[in-house]
């Protein structure tokens, strides 16, 4: 059995919410984090960066959850960004067209530099 999927949330001084996901985003993992993720982004004007560095697998359930949360933020004037996906997860996201829907950054540092620069 795999480790439980968890999230940790950091509020950056810039106002950006940095959310680290650890574990698989399959149907079970998505169910484990959907409620705390929703609670973390109740303000639809939030800017949210999802760090996927420790996600080894993503299924359609995980992609659907990210898509729904990202669209919710956009409709409210916020935005969702993705960073640090493993090669396996990056391939799945690319095939699903996520690069056209979200700003996807190769590393956390690159994402933070781009998102937190003045005027962004």
N, C-alpha and C. Protein backbone atom coordinates (compact mmCIF):
# COMPACT_ATOMS: atom_id res chain seq x y z
N UNK A 1 0.83 -1.19 0.00
CA UNK A 1 0.00 0.00 0.00
C UNK A 1 0.88 1.25 0.00
N UNK A 2 0.47 2.24 -0.77
CA UNK A 2 1.22 3.50 -0.87
C UNK A 2 1.01 4.35 0.37
N UNK A 3 1.93 5.29 0.55
CA UNK A 3 1.80 6.27 1.63
C UNK A 3 0.56 7.14 1.34
N UNK A 4 -0.06 7.67 2.38
CA UNK A 4 -1.20 8.58 2.14
C UNK A 4 -0.73 9.84 1.41
N UNK A 5 -1.60 10.37 0.59
CA UNK A 5 -1.31 11.62 -0.11
C UNK A 5 -1.65 12.77 0.82
N UNK A 6 -0.72 13.72 0.93
CA UNK A 6 -0.89 14.84 1.86
C UNK A 6 -0.55 16.15 1.17
N UNK A 7 -0.99 17.25 1.79
CA UNK A 7 -0.57 18.56 1.33
C UNK A 7 -0.07 19.37 2.52
N UNK A 8 0.85 20.26 2.22
CA UNK A 8 1.24 21.28 3.18
C UNK A 8 1.10 22.63 2.48
N UNK A 9 0.75 23.63 3.25
CA UNK A 9 0.44 24.93 2.68
C UNK A 9 1.32 25.99 3.34
N UNK A 10 2.01 26.77 2.51
CA UNK A 10 2.81 27.89 2.99
C UNK A 10 2.25 29.16 2.39
N UNK A 11 2.07 30.16 3.24
CA UNK A 11 1.65 31.48 2.77
C UNK A 11 2.92 32.31 2.61
N UNK A 12 3.24 32.72 1.39
CA UNK A 12 4.44 33.49 1.12
C UNK A 12 4.19 34.97 1.43
N UNK A 13 5.24 35.74 1.76
CA UNK A 13 5.06 37.17 2.03
C UNK A 13 4.41 37.92 0.86
N UNK A 14 4.57 37.42 -0.35
CA UNK A 14 3.99 38.06 -1.53
C UNK A 14 2.48 37.84 -1.63
N UNK A 15 1.94 36.97 -0.75
CA UNK A 15 0.53 36.63 -0.81
C UNK A 15 0.27 35.33 -1.55
N UNK A 16 1.28 34.82 -2.24
CA UNK A 16 1.16 33.56 -2.97
C UNK A 16 0.99 32.41 -1.99
N UNK A 17 0.04 31.53 -2.28
CA UNK A 17 -0.10 30.30 -1.49
C UNK A 17 0.69 29.21 -2.21
N UNK A 18 1.63 28.63 -1.50
CA UNK A 18 2.46 27.56 -2.03
C UNK A 18 1.97 26.26 -1.42
N UNK A 19 1.49 25.37 -2.27
CA UNK A 19 0.91 24.11 -1.81
C UNK A 19 1.78 22.97 -2.31
N UNK A 20 2.32 22.21 -1.37
CA UNK A 20 3.16 21.06 -1.69
C UNK A 20 2.29 19.81 -1.58
N UNK A 21 2.26 19.02 -2.64
CA UNK A 21 1.54 17.75 -2.62
C UNK A 21 2.56 16.64 -2.54
N UNK A 22 2.30 15.68 -1.66
CA UNK A 22 3.19 14.51 -1.50
C UNK A 22 2.34 13.26 -1.63
N UNK A 23 2.69 12.42 -2.62
CA UNK A 23 1.97 11.17 -2.84
C UNK A 23 1.36 11.13 -4.22
N UNK A 24 0.64 10.07 -4.50
CA UNK A 24 0.03 9.90 -5.82
C UNK A 24 -1.30 10.64 -5.91
N UNK A 25 -1.55 11.21 -7.07
CA UNK A 25 -2.85 11.86 -7.33
C UNK A 25 -3.70 10.92 -8.18
N UNK A 26 -3.93 9.73 -7.64
CA UNK A 26 -4.88 8.81 -8.24
C UNK A 26 -6.23 9.07 -7.57
N UNK A 27 -7.22 8.23 -7.79
CA UNK A 27 -8.54 8.52 -7.22
C UNK A 27 -8.50 8.56 -5.69
N UNK A 28 -7.76 7.67 -5.06
CA UNK A 28 -7.67 7.64 -3.60
C UNK A 28 -6.91 8.86 -3.08
N UNK A 29 -5.76 9.16 -3.68
CA UNK A 29 -4.96 10.31 -3.24
C UNK A 29 -5.70 11.63 -3.43
N UNK A 30 -6.43 11.73 -4.53
CA UNK A 30 -7.21 12.94 -4.79
C UNK A 30 -8.28 13.13 -3.73
N UNK A 31 -8.94 12.05 -3.36
CA UNK A 31 -9.95 12.12 -2.30
C UNK A 31 -9.33 12.56 -0.97
N UNK A 32 -8.11 12.11 -0.70
CA UNK A 32 -7.44 12.45 0.56
C UNK A 32 -7.15 13.94 0.69
N UNK A 33 -6.87 14.61 -0.43
CA UNK A 33 -6.45 16.01 -0.33
C UNK A 33 -7.48 17.00 -0.83
N UNK A 34 -8.55 16.54 -1.45
CA UNK A 34 -9.49 17.49 -2.06
C UNK A 34 -10.10 18.45 -1.04
N UNK A 35 -10.49 17.96 0.11
CA UNK A 35 -11.10 18.83 1.13
C UNK A 35 -10.11 19.85 1.68
N UNK A 36 -8.90 19.42 2.13
CA UNK A 36 -7.96 20.43 2.62
C UNK A 36 -7.50 21.41 1.53
N UNK A 37 -7.43 20.95 0.28
CA UNK A 37 -7.06 21.85 -0.80
C UNK A 37 -8.16 22.88 -1.02
N UNK A 38 -9.40 22.44 -1.01
CA UNK A 38 -10.53 23.38 -1.16
C UNK A 38 -10.54 24.39 -0.03
N UNK A 39 -10.29 23.93 1.18
CA UNK A 39 -10.27 24.84 2.34
C UNK A 39 -9.14 25.86 2.22
N UNK A 40 -8.05 25.48 1.58
CA UNK A 40 -6.90 26.37 1.45
C UNK A 40 -7.12 27.47 0.41
N UNK A 41 -8.03 27.23 -0.52
CA UNK A 41 -8.21 28.21 -1.60
C UNK A 41 -9.65 28.71 -1.68
N UNK A 42 -10.21 29.02 -0.52
CA UNK A 42 -11.58 29.55 -0.50
C UNK A 42 -11.65 30.95 -1.10
N UNK A 43 -10.57 31.71 -1.00
CA UNK A 43 -10.52 33.03 -1.61
C UNK A 43 -10.20 32.85 -3.09
N UNK A 44 -11.18 33.10 -3.91
CA UNK A 44 -11.03 32.84 -5.35
C UNK A 44 -10.13 33.85 -6.05
N UNK A 45 -9.69 34.87 -5.33
CA UNK A 45 -8.74 35.81 -5.93
C UNK A 45 -7.29 35.40 -5.62
N UNK A 46 -7.12 34.26 -4.96
CA UNK A 46 -5.79 33.79 -4.56
C UNK A 46 -4.93 33.45 -5.77
N UNK A 47 -3.63 33.62 -5.57
CA UNK A 47 -2.64 33.06 -6.50
C UNK A 47 -2.07 31.85 -5.80
N UNK A 48 -2.14 30.69 -6.46
CA UNK A 48 -1.78 29.42 -5.84
C UNK A 48 -0.75 28.71 -6.72
N UNK A 49 0.35 28.31 -6.12
CA UNK A 49 1.38 27.52 -6.80
C UNK A 49 1.35 26.12 -6.23
N UNK A 50 1.10 25.15 -7.09
CA UNK A 50 1.09 23.74 -6.68
C UNK A 50 2.43 23.13 -7.03
N UNK A 51 3.15 22.69 -6.00
CA UNK A 51 4.44 22.03 -6.17
C UNK A 51 4.20 20.54 -6.31
N UNK A 52 4.50 19.99 -7.49
CA UNK A 52 4.26 18.57 -7.79
C UNK A 52 5.53 17.72 -7.67
N UNK A 53 6.55 18.24 -7.06
CA UNK A 53 7.85 17.57 -6.97
C UNK A 53 7.75 16.16 -6.37
N UNK A 54 6.86 15.98 -5.41
CA UNK A 54 6.75 14.69 -4.73
C UNK A 54 5.51 13.91 -5.12
N UNK A 55 5.03 14.17 -6.33
CA UNK A 55 3.89 13.42 -6.88
C UNK A 55 4.47 12.46 -7.92
N UNK A 56 4.34 11.16 -7.66
CA UNK A 56 4.90 10.17 -8.57
C UNK A 56 3.96 9.73 -9.67
N UNK A 57 2.67 9.97 -9.49
CA UNK A 57 1.67 9.50 -10.45
C UNK A 57 0.47 10.42 -10.40
N UNK A 58 -0.11 10.71 -11.55
CA UNK A 58 -1.35 11.48 -11.60
C UNK A 58 -2.30 10.80 -12.56
N UNK A 59 -3.54 10.62 -12.12
CA UNK A 59 -4.57 10.00 -12.96
C UNK A 59 -5.54 11.08 -13.42
N UNK A 60 -6.56 10.65 -14.14
CA UNK A 60 -7.58 11.60 -14.60
C UNK A 60 -8.28 12.26 -13.41
N UNK A 61 -8.40 11.55 -12.29
CA UNK A 61 -9.03 12.14 -11.10
C UNK A 61 -8.20 13.30 -10.58
N UNK A 62 -6.89 13.14 -10.52
CA UNK A 62 -6.02 14.21 -10.06
C UNK A 62 -6.02 15.38 -11.02
N UNK A 63 -5.99 15.09 -12.32
CA UNK A 63 -6.02 16.18 -13.30
C UNK A 63 -7.34 16.93 -13.24
N UNK A 64 -8.44 16.21 -13.07
CA UNK A 64 -9.75 16.86 -12.98
C UNK A 64 -9.81 17.78 -11.77
N UNK A 65 -9.28 17.33 -10.65
CA UNK A 65 -9.29 18.16 -9.46
C UNK A 65 -8.50 19.46 -9.69
N UNK A 66 -7.30 19.34 -10.27
CA UNK A 66 -6.49 20.53 -10.56
C UNK A 66 -7.21 21.46 -11.54
N UNK A 67 -7.83 20.88 -12.54
CA UNK A 67 -8.54 21.67 -13.54
C UNK A 67 -9.71 22.44 -12.91
N UNK A 68 -10.49 21.77 -12.09
CA UNK A 68 -11.64 22.41 -11.44
C UNK A 68 -11.17 23.54 -10.52
N UNK A 69 -10.15 23.27 -9.72
CA UNK A 69 -9.64 24.30 -8.79
C UNK A 69 -9.05 25.47 -9.57
N UNK A 70 -8.31 25.19 -10.63
CA UNK A 70 -7.72 26.25 -11.44
C UNK A 70 -8.77 27.12 -12.11
N UNK A 71 -9.79 26.50 -12.66
CA UNK A 71 -10.87 27.26 -13.30
C UNK A 71 -11.63 28.10 -12.28
N UNK A 72 -11.85 27.55 -11.10
CA UNK A 72 -12.54 28.29 -10.04
C UNK A 72 -11.76 29.55 -9.69
N UNK A 73 -10.45 29.42 -9.55
CA UNK A 73 -9.61 30.57 -9.24
C UNK A 73 -9.65 31.60 -10.36
N UNK A 74 -9.53 31.16 -11.58
CA UNK A 74 -9.53 32.09 -12.71
C UNK A 74 -10.84 32.88 -12.80
N UNK A 75 -11.96 32.19 -12.58
CA UNK A 75 -13.26 32.86 -12.63
C UNK A 75 -13.36 33.94 -11.55
N UNK A 76 -12.64 33.73 -10.43
CA UNK A 76 -12.69 34.70 -9.34
C UNK A 76 -11.62 35.77 -9.43
N UNK A 77 -10.76 35.70 -10.44
CA UNK A 77 -9.69 36.68 -10.59
C UNK A 77 -8.35 36.20 -10.05
N UNK A 78 -8.29 34.97 -9.57
CA UNK A 78 -7.03 34.40 -9.08
C UNK A 78 -6.34 33.61 -10.17
N UNK A 79 -5.38 32.79 -9.78
CA UNK A 79 -4.68 31.97 -10.75
C UNK A 79 -4.01 30.80 -10.06
N UNK A 80 -3.83 29.71 -10.81
CA UNK A 80 -3.11 28.53 -10.32
C UNK A 80 -1.93 28.28 -11.24
N UNK A 81 -0.81 27.95 -10.63
CA UNK A 81 0.42 27.63 -11.34
C UNK A 81 0.88 26.26 -10.89
N UNK A 82 1.60 25.56 -11.75
CA UNK A 82 2.13 24.23 -11.41
C UNK A 82 3.64 24.26 -11.55
N UNK A 83 4.33 23.54 -10.67
CA UNK A 83 5.79 23.47 -10.78
C UNK A 83 6.32 22.11 -10.39
N UNK A 84 7.53 21.87 -10.86
CA UNK A 84 8.39 20.77 -10.39
C UNK A 84 7.84 19.38 -10.61
N UNK A 85 7.02 19.19 -11.65
CA UNK A 85 6.48 17.86 -11.91
C UNK A 85 7.60 16.91 -12.32
N UNK A 86 7.51 15.68 -11.87
CA UNK A 86 8.45 14.65 -12.30
C UNK A 86 8.26 14.41 -13.79
N UNK A 87 9.20 13.76 -14.41
CA UNK A 87 9.09 13.52 -15.86
C UNK A 87 7.81 12.76 -16.20
N UNK A 88 7.50 11.77 -15.41
CA UNK A 88 6.29 10.96 -15.65
C UNK A 88 5.02 11.81 -15.56
N UNK A 89 4.92 12.61 -14.52
CA UNK A 89 3.75 13.47 -14.33
C UNK A 89 3.72 14.56 -15.40
N UNK A 90 4.87 15.12 -15.72
CA UNK A 90 4.96 16.17 -16.74
C UNK A 90 4.46 15.65 -18.10
N UNK A 91 4.82 14.42 -18.45
CA UNK A 91 4.36 13.82 -19.71
C UNK A 91 2.84 13.71 -19.74
N UNK A 92 2.25 13.24 -18.64
CA UNK A 92 0.79 13.09 -18.57
C UNK A 92 0.11 14.45 -18.69
N UNK A 93 0.61 15.43 -17.96
CA UNK A 93 0.04 16.77 -18.01
C UNK A 93 0.17 17.37 -19.41
N UNK A 94 1.29 17.12 -20.05
CA UNK A 94 1.52 17.64 -21.40
C UNK A 94 0.54 17.01 -22.39
N UNK A 95 0.38 15.71 -22.32
CA UNK A 95 -0.56 15.02 -23.21
C UNK A 95 -1.99 15.50 -23.00
N UNK A 96 -2.31 15.88 -21.77
CA UNK A 96 -3.67 16.35 -21.45
C UNK A 96 -3.85 17.83 -21.77
N UNK A 97 -2.80 18.51 -22.23
CA UNK A 97 -2.92 19.90 -22.63
C UNK A 97 -2.83 20.90 -21.48
N UNK A 98 -2.29 20.48 -20.35
CA UNK A 98 -2.22 21.39 -19.19
C UNK A 98 -1.30 22.57 -19.43
N UNK A 99 -0.31 22.42 -20.30
CA UNK A 99 0.61 23.53 -20.58
C UNK A 99 -0.12 24.69 -21.25
N UNK A 100 -1.23 24.41 -21.93
CA UNK A 100 -2.02 25.46 -22.54
C UNK A 100 -2.98 26.10 -21.54
N UNK A 101 -3.27 25.39 -20.45
CA UNK A 101 -4.25 25.87 -19.47
C UNK A 101 -3.61 26.58 -18.28
N UNK A 102 -2.41 26.15 -17.91
CA UNK A 102 -1.74 26.66 -16.72
C UNK A 102 -0.32 27.06 -17.07
N UNK A 103 0.24 28.00 -16.29
CA UNK A 103 1.67 28.23 -16.37
C UNK A 103 2.33 27.07 -15.61
N UNK A 104 3.15 26.31 -16.32
CA UNK A 104 3.82 25.15 -15.74
C UNK A 104 5.32 25.43 -15.75
N UNK A 105 5.93 25.39 -14.57
CA UNK A 105 7.34 25.71 -14.43
C UNK A 105 8.13 24.46 -14.11
N UNK A 106 9.35 24.34 -14.69
CA UNK A 106 10.16 23.15 -14.44
C UNK A 106 10.63 22.99 -13.00
N UNK A 107 10.89 24.12 -12.32
CA UNK A 107 11.37 24.04 -10.95
C UNK A 107 10.59 25.02 -10.06
N UNK A 108 10.64 24.78 -8.78
CA UNK A 108 10.00 25.66 -7.82
C UNK A 108 10.65 27.04 -7.84
N UNK A 109 11.98 27.08 -7.90
CA UNK A 109 12.68 28.37 -7.92
C UNK A 109 12.28 29.21 -9.13
N UNK A 110 12.18 28.58 -10.30
CA UNK A 110 11.78 29.31 -11.50
C UNK A 110 10.35 29.84 -11.37
N UNK A 111 9.48 29.02 -10.79
CA UNK A 111 8.09 29.44 -10.60
C UNK A 111 8.03 30.64 -9.65
N UNK A 112 8.71 30.54 -8.53
CA UNK A 112 8.68 31.64 -7.55
C UNK A 112 9.26 32.92 -8.14
N UNK A 113 10.34 32.81 -8.89
CA UNK A 113 10.94 33.99 -9.51
C UNK A 113 9.98 34.65 -10.49
N UNK A 114 9.30 33.84 -11.29
CA UNK A 114 8.37 34.39 -12.29
C UNK A 114 7.10 34.96 -11.65
N UNK A 115 6.56 34.27 -10.68
CA UNK A 115 5.27 34.66 -10.11
C UNK A 115 5.40 35.82 -9.12
N UNK A 116 6.49 35.83 -8.37
CA UNK A 116 6.63 36.84 -7.31
C UNK A 116 7.37 38.10 -7.75
N UNK A 117 7.77 38.17 -9.01
CA UNK A 117 8.44 39.39 -9.44
C UNK A 117 7.44 40.54 -9.44
N UNK A 118 7.90 41.73 -9.14
CA UNK A 118 6.99 42.89 -9.09
C UNK A 118 6.22 43.04 -10.40
N UNK A 119 4.94 43.31 -10.24
CA UNK A 119 4.09 43.53 -11.40
C UNK A 119 3.47 42.27 -11.98
N UNK A 120 3.77 41.11 -11.39
CA UNK A 120 3.18 39.87 -11.94
C UNK A 120 1.85 39.57 -11.32
